[in-house]
Amino acid sequence: MRLGALGKELRIPIVAEGVETSEQAQQVRSLGVRYAQGWFYARAMTGDDCGWWLSNNLKGRTHEEAAASDFMGLT
């Protein structure tokens, strides 16, 4: 059973932490994990900075462009 399927079966969201490269992101996706965080996506930031980052990096994106954000659980 894939890790993402296990989390779904147990009703526990699985979050991959520390994703730093596209190869790691691909591996996490291949395991069926829907949520991830790490330097590959964005630097560490305060809550205020995070709100600014989200509003400025997601608005106006096409569905395909927002796919990575959906993968991170941000949409």
C-alpha atoms as a PDB file:
ATOM      1  CA  MET A   1       0.000   0.000   0.000  1.00  0.00           C
ATOM      2  CA  ARG A   2       1.340   3.430  -0.940  1.00  0.00           C
ATOM      3  CA  LEU A   3       1.978   5.866   1.894  1.00  0.00           C
ATOM      4  CA  GLY A   4      -0.680   8.301   0.635  1.00  0.00           C
ATOM      5  CA  ALA A   5      -3.254   5.492   0.476  1.00  0.00           C
ATOM      6  CA  LEU A   6      -2.396   4.456   4.018  1.00  0.00           C
ATOM      7  CA  GLY A   7      -2.945   8.007   5.265  1.00  0.00           C
ATOM      8  CA  LYS A   8      -6.252   8.197   3.414  1.00  0.00           C
ATOM      9  CA  GLU A   9      -7.373   4.859   4.840  1.00  0.00           C
ATOM     10  CA  LEU A  10      -6.496   6.029   8.367  1.00  0.00           C
ATOM     11  CA  ARG A  11      -7.934   9.512   7.652  1.00  0.00           C
ATOM     12  CA  ILE A  12      -4.592  11.076   8.558  1.00  0.00           C
ATOM     13  CA  PRO A  13      -3.071  13.640   6.191  1.00  0.00           C
ATOM     14  CA  ILE A  14       0.528  12.737   5.370  1.00  0.00           C
ATOM     15  CA  VAL A  15       2.975  15.653   4.984  1.00  0.00           C
ATOM     16  CA  ALA A  16       6.427  15.156   3.515  1.00  0.00           C
ATOM     17  CA  GLU A  17       8.837  17.516   5.244  1.00  0.00           C
ATOM     18  CA  GLY A  18      12.196  18.781   4.071  1.00  0.00           C
ATOM     19  CA  VAL A  19      11.645  18.454   0.308  1.00  0.00           C
ATOM     20  CA  GLU A  20      14.629  20.265  -1.226  1.00  0.00           C
ATOM     21  CA  THR A  21      14.894  18.989  -4.829  1.00  0.00           C
ATOM     22  CA  SER A  22      12.576  18.211  -7.732  1.00  0.00           C
ATOM     23  CA  GLU A  23      13.707  14.577  -7.505  1.00  0.00           C
ATOM     24  CA  GLN A  24      12.538  14.416  -3.890  1.00  0.00           C
ATOM     25  CA  ALA A  25       9.227  16.053  -4.847  1.00  0.00           C
ATOM     26  CA  GLN A  26       8.709  13.468  -7.596  1.00  0.00           C
ATOM     27  CA  GLN A  27       9.456  10.642  -5.171  1.00  0.00           C
ATOM     28  CA  VAL A  28       6.969  12.019  -2.638  1.00  0.00           C
ATOM     29  CA  ARG A  29       4.288  12.273  -5.354  1.00  0.00           C
ATOM     30  CA  SER A  30       5.020   8.718  -6.495  1.00  0.00           C
ATOM     31  CA  LEU A  31       4.285   7.545  -2.949  1.00  0.00           C
ATOM     32  CA  GLY A  32       0.841   9.134  -3.189  1.00  0.00           C
ATOM     33  CA  VAL A  33       1.593  11.870  -0.671  1.00  0.00           C
ATOM     34  CA  ARG A  34      -0.485  14.971  -1.396  1.00  0.00           C
ATOM     35  CA  TYR A  35       1.141  17.498   0.964  1.00  0.00           C
ATOM     36  CA  ALA A  36       4.784  18.570   1.130  1.00  0.00           C
ATOM     37  CA  GLN A  37       6.907  21.409   2.412  1.00  0.00           C
ATOM     38  CA  GLY A  38      10.524  22.401   2.188  1.00  0.00           C
ATOM     39  CA  TRP A  39      13.080  24.681   0.579  1.00  0.00           C
ATOM     40  CA  PHE A  40      12.146  23.334  -2.875  1.00  0.00           C
ATOM     41  CA  TYR A  41       8.862  25.241  -2.587  1.00  0.00           C
ATOM     42  CA  ALA A  42       9.776  28.264  -0.463  1.00  0.00           C
ATOM     43  CA  ARG A  43      12.230  29.486   2.130  1.00  0.00           C
ATOM     44  CA  ALA A  44      11.336  29.464   5.811  1.00  0.00           C
ATOM     45  CA  MET A  45       9.226  32.528   6.639  1.00  0.00           C
ATOM     46  CA  THR A  46       7.062  34.159   9.276  1.00  0.00           C
ATOM     47  CA  GLY A  47       3.274  33.813   9.248  1.00  0.00           C
ATOM     48  CA  ASP A  48       2.883  37.346   7.881  1.00  0.00           C
ATOM     49  CA  ASP A  49       5.386  36.650   5.113  1.00  0.00           C
ATOM     50  CA  CYS A  50       3.613  33.380   4.316  1.00  0.00           C
ATOM     51  CA  GLY A  51       0.293  35.175   3.792  1.00  0.00           C
ATOM     52  CA  TRP A  52       1.986  37.636   1.452  1.00  0.00           C
ATOM     53  CA  TRP A  53       3.771  34.814  -0.393  1.00  0.00           C
ATOM     54  CA  LEU A  54       0.572  32.841  -0.913  1.00  0.00           C
ATOM     55  CA  SER A  55      -1.425  35.793  -2.201  1.00  0.00           C
ATOM     56  CA  ASN A  56       1.354  36.862  -4.563  1.00  0.00           C
ATOM     57  CA  ASN A  57       2.363  33.444  -5.842  1.00  0.00           C
ATOM     58  CA  LEU A  58      -1.033  31.835  -6.452  1.00  0.00           C
ATOM     59  CA  LYS A  59      -3.155  34.618  -7.923  1.00  0.00           C
ATOM     60  CA  GLY A  60      -3.557  34.653 -11.666  1.00  0.00           C
ATOM     61  CA  ARG A  61      -2.123  31.177 -12.172  1.00  0.00           C
ATOM     62  CA  THR A  62      -3.565  28.703 -14.617  1.00  0.00           C
ATOM     63  CA  HIS A  63      -4.706  25.294 -13.413  1.00  0.00           C
ATOM     64  CA  GLU A  64      -1.439  23.733 -14.590  1.00  0.00           C
ATOM     65  CA  GLU A  65       0.660  26.397 -12.898  1.00  0.00           C
ATOM     66  CA  ALA A  66      -1.231  25.933  -9.635  1.00  0.00           C
ATOM     67  CA  ALA A  67      -0.748  22.154  -9.714  1.00  0.00           C
ATOM     68  CA  ALA A  68       2.396  22.348  -7.582  1.00  0.00           C
ATOM     69  CA  SER A  69       0.486  24.431  -5.060  1.00  0.00           C
ATOM     70  CA  ASP A  70      -2.314  21.862  -5.042  1.00  0.00           C
ATOM     71  CA  PHE A  71       0.341  19.220  -4.385  1.00  0.00           C
ATOM     72  CA  MET A  72       1.462  21.216  -1.351  1.00  0.00           C
ATOM     73  CA  GLY A  73      -2.131  21.414  -0.106  1.00  0.00           C
ATOM     74  CA  LEU A  74      -2.383  25.159  -0.622  1.00  0.00           C
ATOM     75  CA  THR A  75      -5.433  25.290  -2.874  1.00  0.00           C
END
